[in-house]
Amino acid sequence: MSDDRFSALLSVCVESLIQYMIVRDGISERDALAELYSSELYALLEQERTKLWHYSTETLYCLLREERETGRLTFPDV
């Protein structure tokens, strides 16, 4: 996949996840961005080879919550 195409996909994933966090957690966009961008999940999501962008917004949200609550990530079996 080209870098431009991946950047576009990542932008869509991030925007969707941020909006989901705002609604589910009742937090500001700024707080949602800060939480996501400082997470291990985001560090992995921005690497095309991990293919995390294939996961649904809800699954990514659950992974982010798990990371916040436990400090680790457990990826679902695909």
PDB file of N, CA and C in Angstrom:
ATOM      1  N   MET A   1       0.838  -1.161   0.000  1.00  0.00           N
ATOM      2  CA  MET A   1       0.000   0.000   0.000  1.00  0.00           C
ATOM      3  C   MET A   1       0.895   1.239   0.000  1.00  0.00           C
ATOM      4  N   SER A   2       0.510   2.239  -0.745  1.00  0.00           N
ATOM      5  CA  SER A   2       1.307   3.467  -0.810  1.00  0.00           C
ATOM      6  C   SER A   2       1.195   4.243   0.506  1.00  0.00           C
ATOM      7  N   ASP A   3       2.190   5.062   0.759  1.00  0.00           N
ATOM      8  CA  ASP A   3       2.188   5.886   1.972  1.00  0.00           C
ATOM      9  C   ASP A   3       0.999   6.844   1.993  1.00  0.00           C
ATOM     10  N   ASP A   4       0.659   7.410   0.845  1.00  0.00           N
ATOM     11  CA  ASP A   4      -0.469   8.339   0.771  1.00  0.00           C
ATOM     12  C   ASP A   4      -1.787   7.642   1.099  1.00  0.00           C
ATOM     13  N   ARG A   5      -1.946   6.468   0.574  1.00  0.00           N
ATOM     14  CA  ARG A   5      -3.184   5.721   0.835  1.00  0.00           C
ATOM     15  C   ARG A   5      -3.268   5.331   2.314  1.00  0.00           C
ATOM     16  N   PHE A   6      -2.154   4.890   2.876  1.00  0.00           N
ATOM     17  CA  PHE A   6      -2.158   4.525   4.281  1.00  0.00           C
ATOM     18  C   PHE A   6      -2.436   5.748   5.156  1.00  0.00           C
ATOM     19  N   SER A   7      -1.846   6.870   4.834  1.00  0.00           N
ATOM     20  CA  SER A   7      -2.099   8.103   5.595  1.00  0.00           C
ATOM     21  C   SER A   7      -3.576   8.459   5.576  1.00  0.00           C
ATOM     22  N   ALA A   8      -4.205   8.303   4.433  1.00  0.00           N
ATOM     23  CA  ALA A   8      -5.633   8.589   4.326  1.00  0.00           C
ATOM     24  C   ALA A   8      -6.448   7.620   5.191  1.00  0.00           C
ATOM     25  N   LEU A   9      -6.113   6.336   5.141  1.00  0.00           N
ATOM     26  CA  LEU A   9      -6.811   5.348   5.966  1.00  0.00           C
ATOM     27  C   LEU A   9      -6.611   5.616   7.452  1.00  0.00           C
ATOM     28  N   LEU A  10      -5.394   5.948   7.833  1.00  0.00           N
ATOM     29  CA  LEU A  10      -5.102   6.241   9.236  1.00  0.00           C
ATOM     30  C   LEU A  10      -5.901   7.448   9.706  1.00  0.00           C
ATOM     31  N   SER A  11      -5.994   8.469   8.883  1.00  0.00           N
ATOM     32  CA  SER A  11      -6.761   9.668   9.231  1.00  0.00           C
ATOM     33  C   SER A  11      -8.222   9.333   9.480  1.00  0.00           C
ATOM     34  N   VAL A  12      -8.784   8.495   8.638  1.00  0.00           N
ATOM     35  CA  VAL A  12     -10.183   8.084   8.801  1.00  0.00           C
ATOM     36  C   VAL A  12     -10.350   7.276  10.087  1.00  0.00           C
ATOM     37  N   CYS A  13      -9.440   6.353  10.352  1.00  0.00           N
ATOM     38  CA  CYS A  13      -9.503   5.539  11.580  1.00  0.00           C
ATOM     39  C   CYS A  13      -9.411   6.413  12.820  1.00  0.00           C
ATOM     40  N   VAL A  14      -8.464   7.332  12.810  1.00  0.00           N
ATOM     41  CA  VAL A  14      -8.261   8.205  13.969  1.00  0.00           C
ATOM     42  C   VAL A  14      -9.478   9.091  14.195  1.00  0.00           C
ATOM     43  N   GLU A  15      -9.992   9.698  13.155  1.00  0.00           N
ATOM     44  CA  GLU A  15     -11.163  10.573  13.288  1.00  0.00           C
ATOM     45  C   GLU A  15     -12.358   9.802  13.832  1.00  0.00           C
ATOM     46  N   SER A  16     -12.579   8.623  13.316  1.00  0.00           N
ATOM     47  CA  SER A  16     -13.691   7.797  13.783  1.00  0.00           C
ATOM     48  C   SER A  16     -13.512   7.418  15.250  1.00  0.00           C
ATOM     49  N   LEU A  17     -12.313   7.028  15.619  1.00  0.00           N
ATOM     50  CA  LEU A  17     -12.042   6.630  16.994  1.00  0.00           C
ATOM     51  C   LEU A  17     -12.163   7.817  17.946  1.00  0.00           C
ATOM     52  N   ILE A  18     -11.691   8.975  17.552  1.00  0.00           N
ATOM     53  CA  ILE A  18     -11.795  10.174  18.383  1.00  0.00           C
ATOM     54  C   ILE A  18     -13.267  10.517  18.623  1.00  0.00           C
ATOM     55  N   GLN A  19     -14.063  10.492  17.578  1.00  0.00           N
ATOM     56  CA  GLN A  19     -15.493  10.791  17.736  1.00  0.00           C
ATOM     57  C   GLN A  19     -16.169   9.775  18.652  1.00  0.00           C
ATOM     58  N   TYR A  20     -15.797   8.518  18.518  1.00  0.00           N
ATOM     59  CA  TYR A  20     -16.346   7.451  19.356  1.00  0.00           C
ATOM     60  C   TYR A  20     -15.978   7.694  20.819  1.00  0.00           C
ATOM     61  N   MET A  21     -14.729   8.087  21.083  1.00  0.00           N
ATOM     62  CA  MET A  21     -14.284   8.368  22.448  1.00  0.00           C
ATOM     63  C   MET A  21     -15.043   9.549  23.038  1.00  0.00           C
ATOM     64  N   ILE A  22     -15.261  10.578  22.252  1.00  0.00           N
ATOM     65  CA  ILE A  22     -15.983  11.764  22.715  1.00  0.00           C
ATOM     66  C   ILE A  22     -17.384  11.372  23.177  1.00  0.00           C
ATOM     67  N   VAL A  23     -18.054  10.571  22.378  1.00  0.00           N
ATOM     68  CA  VAL A  23     -19.422  10.153  22.712  1.00  0.00           C
ATOM     69  C   VAL A  23     -19.436   9.178  23.886  1.00  0.00           C
ATOM     70  N   ARG A  24     -18.625   8.131  23.814  1.00  0.00           N
ATOM     71  CA  ARG A  24     -18.646   7.086  24.851  1.00  0.00           C
ATOM     72  C   ARG A  24     -18.111   7.556  26.192  1.00  0.00           C
ATOM     73  N   ASP A  25     -17.037   8.357  26.170  1.00  0.00           N
ATOM     74  CA  ASP A  25     -16.389   8.759  27.414  1.00  0.00           C
ATOM     75  C   ASP A  25     -16.818  10.138  27.893  1.00  0.00           C
ATOM     76  N   GLY A  26     -17.509  10.875  27.033  1.00  0.00           N
ATOM     77  CA  GLY A  26     -17.941  12.215  27.402  1.00  0.00           C
ATOM     78  C   GLY A  26     -16.775  13.159  27.642  1.00  0.00           C
ATOM     79  N   ILE A  27     -15.736  13.023  26.815  1.00  0.00           N
ATOM     80  CA  ILE A  27     -14.548  13.860  26.969  1.00  0.00           C
ATOM     81  C   ILE A  27     -14.424  14.811  25.785  1.00  0.00           C
ATOM     82  N   SER A  28     -13.573  15.793  25.944  1.00  0.00           N
ATOM     83  CA  SER A  28     -13.363  16.765  24.865  1.00  0.00           C
ATOM     84  C   SER A  28     -12.532  16.136  23.745  1.00  0.00           C
ATOM     85  N   GLU A  29     -12.585  16.759  22.600  1.00  0.00           N
ATOM     86  CA  GLU A  29     -11.767  16.301  21.475  1.00  0.00           C
ATOM     87  C   GLU A  29     -10.288  16.390  21.835  1.00  0.00           C
ATOM     88  N   ARG A  30      -9.920  17.451  22.512  1.00  0.00           N
ATOM     89  CA  ARG A  30      -8.523  17.635  22.911  1.00  0.00           C
ATOM     90  C   ARG A  30      -8.060  16.495  23.818  1.00  0.00           C
ATOM     91  N   ASP A  31      -8.891  16.117  24.800  1.00  0.00           N
ATOM     92  CA  ASP A  31      -8.533  15.026  25.710  1.00  0.00           C
ATOM     93  C   ASP A  31      -8.478  13.686  24.981  1.00  0.00           C
ATOM     94  N   ALA A  32      -9.409  13.482  24.069  1.00  0.00           N
ATOM     95  CA  ALA A  32      -9.421  12.233  23.291  1.00  0.00           C
ATOM     96  C   ALA A  32      -8.162  12.128  22.438  1.00  0.00           C
ATOM     97  N   LEU A  33      -7.790  13.211  21.787  1.00  0.00           N
ATOM     98  CA  LEU A  33      -6.574  13.216  20.973  1.00  0.00           C
ATOM     99  C   LEU A  33      -5.344  12.956  21.827  1.00  0.00           C
ATOM    100  N   ALA A  34      -5.270  13.614  22.974  1.00  0.00           N
ATOM    101  CA  ALA A  34      -4.117  13.436  23.861  1.00  0.00           C
ATOM    102  C   ALA A  34      -4.003  11.988  24.317  1.00  0.00           C
ATOM    103  N   GLU A  35      -5.133  11.395  24.689  1.00  0.00           N
ATOM    104  CA  GLU A  35      -5.100  10.000  25.141  1.00  0.00           C
ATOM    105  C   GLU A  35      -4.678   9.065  24.016  1.00  0.00           C
ATOM    106  N   LEU A  36      -5.282   9.239  22.849  1.00  0.00           N
ATOM    107  CA  LEU A  36      -4.974   8.347  21.737  1.00  0.00           C
ATOM    108  C   LEU A  36      -3.514   8.490  21.310  1.00  0.00           C
ATOM    109  N   TYR A  37      -3.063   9.721  21.097  1.00  0.00           N
ATOM    110  CA  TYR A  37      -1.716   9.926  20.572  1.00  0.00           C
ATOM    111  C   TYR A  37      -0.614   9.520  21.551  1.00  0.00           C
ATOM    112  N   SER A  38      -0.933   9.430  22.836  1.00  0.00           N
ATOM    113  CA  SER A  38       0.072   9.008  23.808  1.00  0.00           C
ATOM    114  C   SER A  38       0.021   7.505  24.099  1.00  0.00           C
ATOM    115  N   SER A  39      -0.833   6.792  23.392  1.00  0.00           N
ATOM    116  CA  SER A  39      -1.026   5.364  23.665  1.00  0.00           C
ATOM    117  C   SER A  39      -0.102   4.472  22.829  1.00  0.00           C
ATOM    118  N   GLU A  40       0.134   3.292  23.367  1.00  0.00           N
ATOM    119  CA  GLU A  40       0.854   2.252  22.628  1.00  0.00           C
ATOM    120  C   GLU A  40       0.036   1.819  21.413  1.00  0.00           C
ATOM    121  N   LEU A  41      -1.293   1.800  21.583  1.00  0.00           N
ATOM    122  CA  LEU A  41      -2.170   1.429  20.471  1.00  0.00           C
ATOM    123  C   LEU A  41      -1.917   2.328  19.263  1.00  0.00           C
ATOM    124  N   TYR A  42      -1.840   3.636  19.487  1.00  0.00           N
ATOM    125  CA  TYR A  42      -1.602   4.542  18.368  1.00  0.00           C
ATOM    126  C   TYR A  42      -0.236   4.294  17.738  1.00  0.00           C
ATOM    127  N   ALA A  43       0.763   4.058  18.575  1.00  0.00           N
ATOM    128  CA  ALA A  43       2.105   3.781  18.044  1.00  0.00           C
ATOM    129  C   ALA A  43       2.074   2.582  17.106  1.00  0.00           C
ATOM    130  N   LEU A  44       1.264   1.593  17.435  1.00  0.00           N
ATOM    131  CA  LEU A  44       1.132   0.411  16.576  1.00  0.00           C
ATOM    132  C   LEU A  44       0.215   0.683  15.389  1.00  0.00           C
ATOM    133  N   LEU A  45      -0.849   1.447  15.615  1.00  0.00           N
ATOM    134  CA  LEU A  45      -1.812   1.758  14.559  1.00  0.00           C
ATOM    135  C   LEU A  45      -1.156   2.526  13.422  1.00  0.00           C
ATOM    136  N   GLU A  46      -0.195   3.383  13.743  1.00  0.00           N
ATOM    137  CA  GLU A  46       0.426   4.182  12.690  1.00  0.00           C
ATOM    138  C   GLU A  46       1.478   3.407  11.884  1.00  0.00           C
ATOM    139  N   GLN A  47       1.666   2.149  12.221  1.00  0.00           N
ATOM    140  CA  GLN A  47       2.559   1.284  11.439  1.00  0.00           C
ATOM    141  C   GLN A  47       1.705   0.414  10.512  1.00  0.00           C
ATOM    142  N   GLU A  48       1.773   0.655   9.260  1.00  0.00           N
ATOM    143  CA  GLU A  48       0.921  -0.045   8.279  1.00  0.00           C
ATOM    144  C   GLU A  48       1.042  -1.563   8.398  1.00  0.00           C
ATOM    145  N   ARG A  49       2.239  -2.042   8.681  1.00  0.00           N
ATOM    146  CA  ARG A  49       2.469  -3.488   8.707  1.00  0.00           C
ATOM    147  C   ARG A  49       1.689  -4.228   9.799  1.00  0.00           C
ATOM    148  N   THR A  50       1.244  -3.500  10.841  1.00  0.00           N
ATOM    149  CA  THR A  50       0.477  -4.151  11.916  1.00  0.00           C
ATOM    150  C   THR A  50      -0.946  -4.481  11.486  1.00  0.00           C
ATOM    151  N   LYS A  51      -1.435  -3.792  10.480  1.00  0.00           N
ATOM    152  CA  LYS A  51      -2.782  -3.985   9.943  1.00  0.00           C
ATOM    153  C   LYS A  51      -3.882  -3.693  10.969  1.00  0.00           C
ATOM    154  N   LEU A  52      -3.574  -2.935  12.014  1.00  0.00           N
ATOM    155  CA  LEU A  52      -4.593  -2.610  13.017  1.00  0.00           C
ATOM    156  C   LEU A  52      -5.712  -1.760  12.439  1.00  0.00           C
ATOM    157  N   TRP A  53      -5.451  -1.054  11.362  1.00  0.00           N
ATOM    158  CA  TRP A  53      -6.468  -0.230  10.731  1.00  0.00           C
ATOM    159  C   TRP A  53      -7.615  -1.073  10.163  1.00  0.00           C
ATOM    160  N   HIS A  54      -7.422  -2.385  10.110  1.00  0.00           N
ATOM    161  CA  HIS A  54      -8.494  -3.285   9.680  1.00  0.00           C
ATOM    162  C   HIS A  54      -9.565  -3.443  10.757  1.00  0.00           C
ATOM    163  N   TYR A  55      -9.207  -3.213  12.023  1.00  0.00           N
ATOM    164  CA  TYR A  55     -10.159  -3.384  13.118  1.00  0.00           C
ATOM    165  C   TYR A  55     -11.234  -2.302  13.081  1.00  0.00           C
ATOM    166  N   SER A  56     -12.402  -2.645  13.590  1.00  0.00           N
ATOM    167  CA  SER A  56     -13.494  -1.683  13.657  1.00  0.00           C
ATOM    168  C   SER A  56     -13.176  -0.608  14.698  1.00  0.00           C
ATOM    169  N   THR A  57     -13.896   0.482  14.613  1.00  0.00           N
ATOM    170  CA  THR A  57     -13.744   1.559  15.592  1.00  0.00           C
ATOM    171  C   THR A  57     -14.030   1.034  16.996  1.00  0.00           C
ATOM    172  N   GLU A  58     -15.062   0.240  17.131  1.00  0.00           N
ATOM    173  CA  GLU A  58     -15.412  -0.303  18.441  1.00  0.00           C
ATOM    174  C   GLU A  58     -14.304  -1.192  19.001  1.00  0.00           C
ATOM    175  N   THR A  59     -13.701  -2.009  18.159  1.00  0.00           N
ATOM    176  CA  THR A  59     -12.609  -2.875  18.608  1.00  0.00           C
ATOM    177  C   THR A  59     -11.398  -2.039  19.018  1.00  0.00           C
ATOM    178  N   LEU A  60     -11.067  -1.031  18.230  1.00  0.00           N
ATOM    179  CA  LEU A  60      -9.954  -0.150  18.582  1.00  0.00           C
ATOM    180  C   LEU A  60     -10.231   0.564  19.903  1.00  0.00           C
ATOM    181  N   TYR A  61     -11.462   0.992  20.099  1.00  0.00           N
ATOM    182  CA  TYR A  61     -11.848   1.648  21.353  1.00  0.00           C
ATOM    183  C   TYR A  61     -11.666   0.680  22.532  1.00  0.00           C
ATOM    184  N   CYS A  62     -12.103  -0.546  22.382  1.00  0.00           N
ATOM    185  CA  CYS A  62     -11.954  -1.547  23.453  1.00  0.00           C
ATOM    186  C   CYS A  62     -10.476  -1.798  23.763  1.00  0.00           C
ATOM    187  N   LEU A  63      -9.651  -1.841  22.742  1.00  0.00           N
ATOM    188  CA  LEU A  63      -8.214  -2.014  22.951  1.00  0.00           C
ATOM    189  C   LEU A  63      -7.620  -0.823  23.702  1.00  0.00           C
ATOM    190  N   LEU A  64      -8.059   0.371  23.346  1.00  0.00           N
ATOM    191  CA  LEU A  64      -7.570   1.567  24.017  1.00  0.00           C
ATOM    192  C   LEU A  64      -7.996   1.574  25.486  1.00  0.00           C
ATOM    193  N   ARG A  65      -9.232   1.180  25.764  1.00  0.00           N
ATOM    194  CA  ARG A  65      -9.724   1.105  27.152  1.00  0.00           C
ATOM    195  C   ARG A  65      -8.919   0.074  27.943  1.00  0.00           C
ATOM    196  N   GLU A  66      -8.650  -1.074  27.305  1.00  0.00           N
ATOM    197  CA  GLU A  66      -7.861  -2.104  27.968  1.00  0.00           C
ATOM    198  C   GLU A  66      -6.476  -1.572  28.326  1.00  0.00           C
ATOM    199  N   GLU A  67      -5.869  -0.862  27.370  1.00  0.00           N
ATOM    200  CA  GLU A  67      -4.544  -0.304  27.633  1.00  0.00           C
ATOM    201  C   GLU A  67      -4.606   0.672  28.797  1.00  0.00           C
ATOM    202  N   ARG A  68      -5.626   1.512  28.834  1.00  0.00           N
ATOM    203  CA  ARG A  68      -5.756   2.484  29.916  1.00  0.00           C
ATOM    204  C   ARG A  68      -5.943   1.783  31.265  1.00  0.00           C
ATOM    205  N   GLU A  69      -6.769   0.746  31.285  1.00  0.00           N
ATOM    206  CA  GLU A  69      -7.120   0.082  32.547  1.00  0.00           C
ATOM    207  C   GLU A  69      -6.067  -0.903  33.039  1.00  0.00           C
ATOM    208  N   THR A  70      -5.372  -1.564  32.118  1.00  0.00           N
ATOM    209  CA  THR A  70      -4.441  -2.627  32.524  1.00  0.00           C
ATOM    210  C   THR A  70      -2.980  -2.337  32.180  1.00  0.00           C
ATOM    211  N   GLY A  71      -2.766  -1.390  31.286  1.00  0.00           N
ATOM    212  CA  GLY A  71      -1.407  -1.095  30.862  1.00  0.00           C
ATOM    213  C   GLY A  71      -0.884  -2.029  29.787  1.00  0.00           C
ATOM    214  N   ARG A  72      -1.746  -2.871  29.268  1.00  0.00           N
ATOM    215  CA  ARG A  72      -1.300  -3.791  28.200  1.00  0.00           C
ATOM    216  C   ARG A  72      -2.387  -3.920  27.130  1.00  0.00           C
ATOM    217  N   LEU A  73      -1.994  -4.499  26.015  1.00  0.00           N
ATOM    218  CA  LEU A  73      -2.908  -4.717  24.884  1.00  0.00           C
ATOM    219  C   LEU A  73      -2.997  -6.220  24.602  1.00  0.00           C
ATOM    220  N   THR A  74      -4.201  -6.691  24.420  1.00  0.00           N
ATOM    221  CA  THR A  74      -4.432  -8.063  24.010  1.00  0.00           C
ATOM    222  C   THR A  74      -5.250  -8.023  22.732  1.00  0.00           C
ATOM    223  N   PHE A  75      -4.641  -8.446  21.651  1.00  0.00           N
ATOM    224  CA  PHE A  75      -5.321  -8.348  20.364  1.00  0.00           C
ATOM    225  C   PHE A  75      -6.245  -9.526  20.132  1.00  0.00           C
ATOM    226  N   PRO A  76      -7.424  -9.248  19.569  1.00  0.00           N
ATOM    227  CA  PRO A  76      -8.380 -10.319  19.311  1.00  0.00           C
ATOM    228  C   PRO A  76      -7.857 -11.290  18.255  1.00  0.00           C
ATOM    229  N   ASP A  77      -8.280 -12.538  18.366  1.00  0.00           N
ATOM    230  CA  ASP A  77      -7.946 -13.507  17.328  1.00  0.00           C
ATOM    231  C   ASP A  77      -8.711 -13.153  16.078  1.00  0.00           C
ATOM    232  N   VAL A  78      -8.041 -13.208  14.967  1.00  0.00           N
ATOM    233  CA  VAL A  78      -8.679 -12.869  13.699  1.00  0.00           C
ATOM    234  C   VAL A  78      -8.899 -14.115  12.888  1.00  0.00           C
TER     235      VAL A  78
END
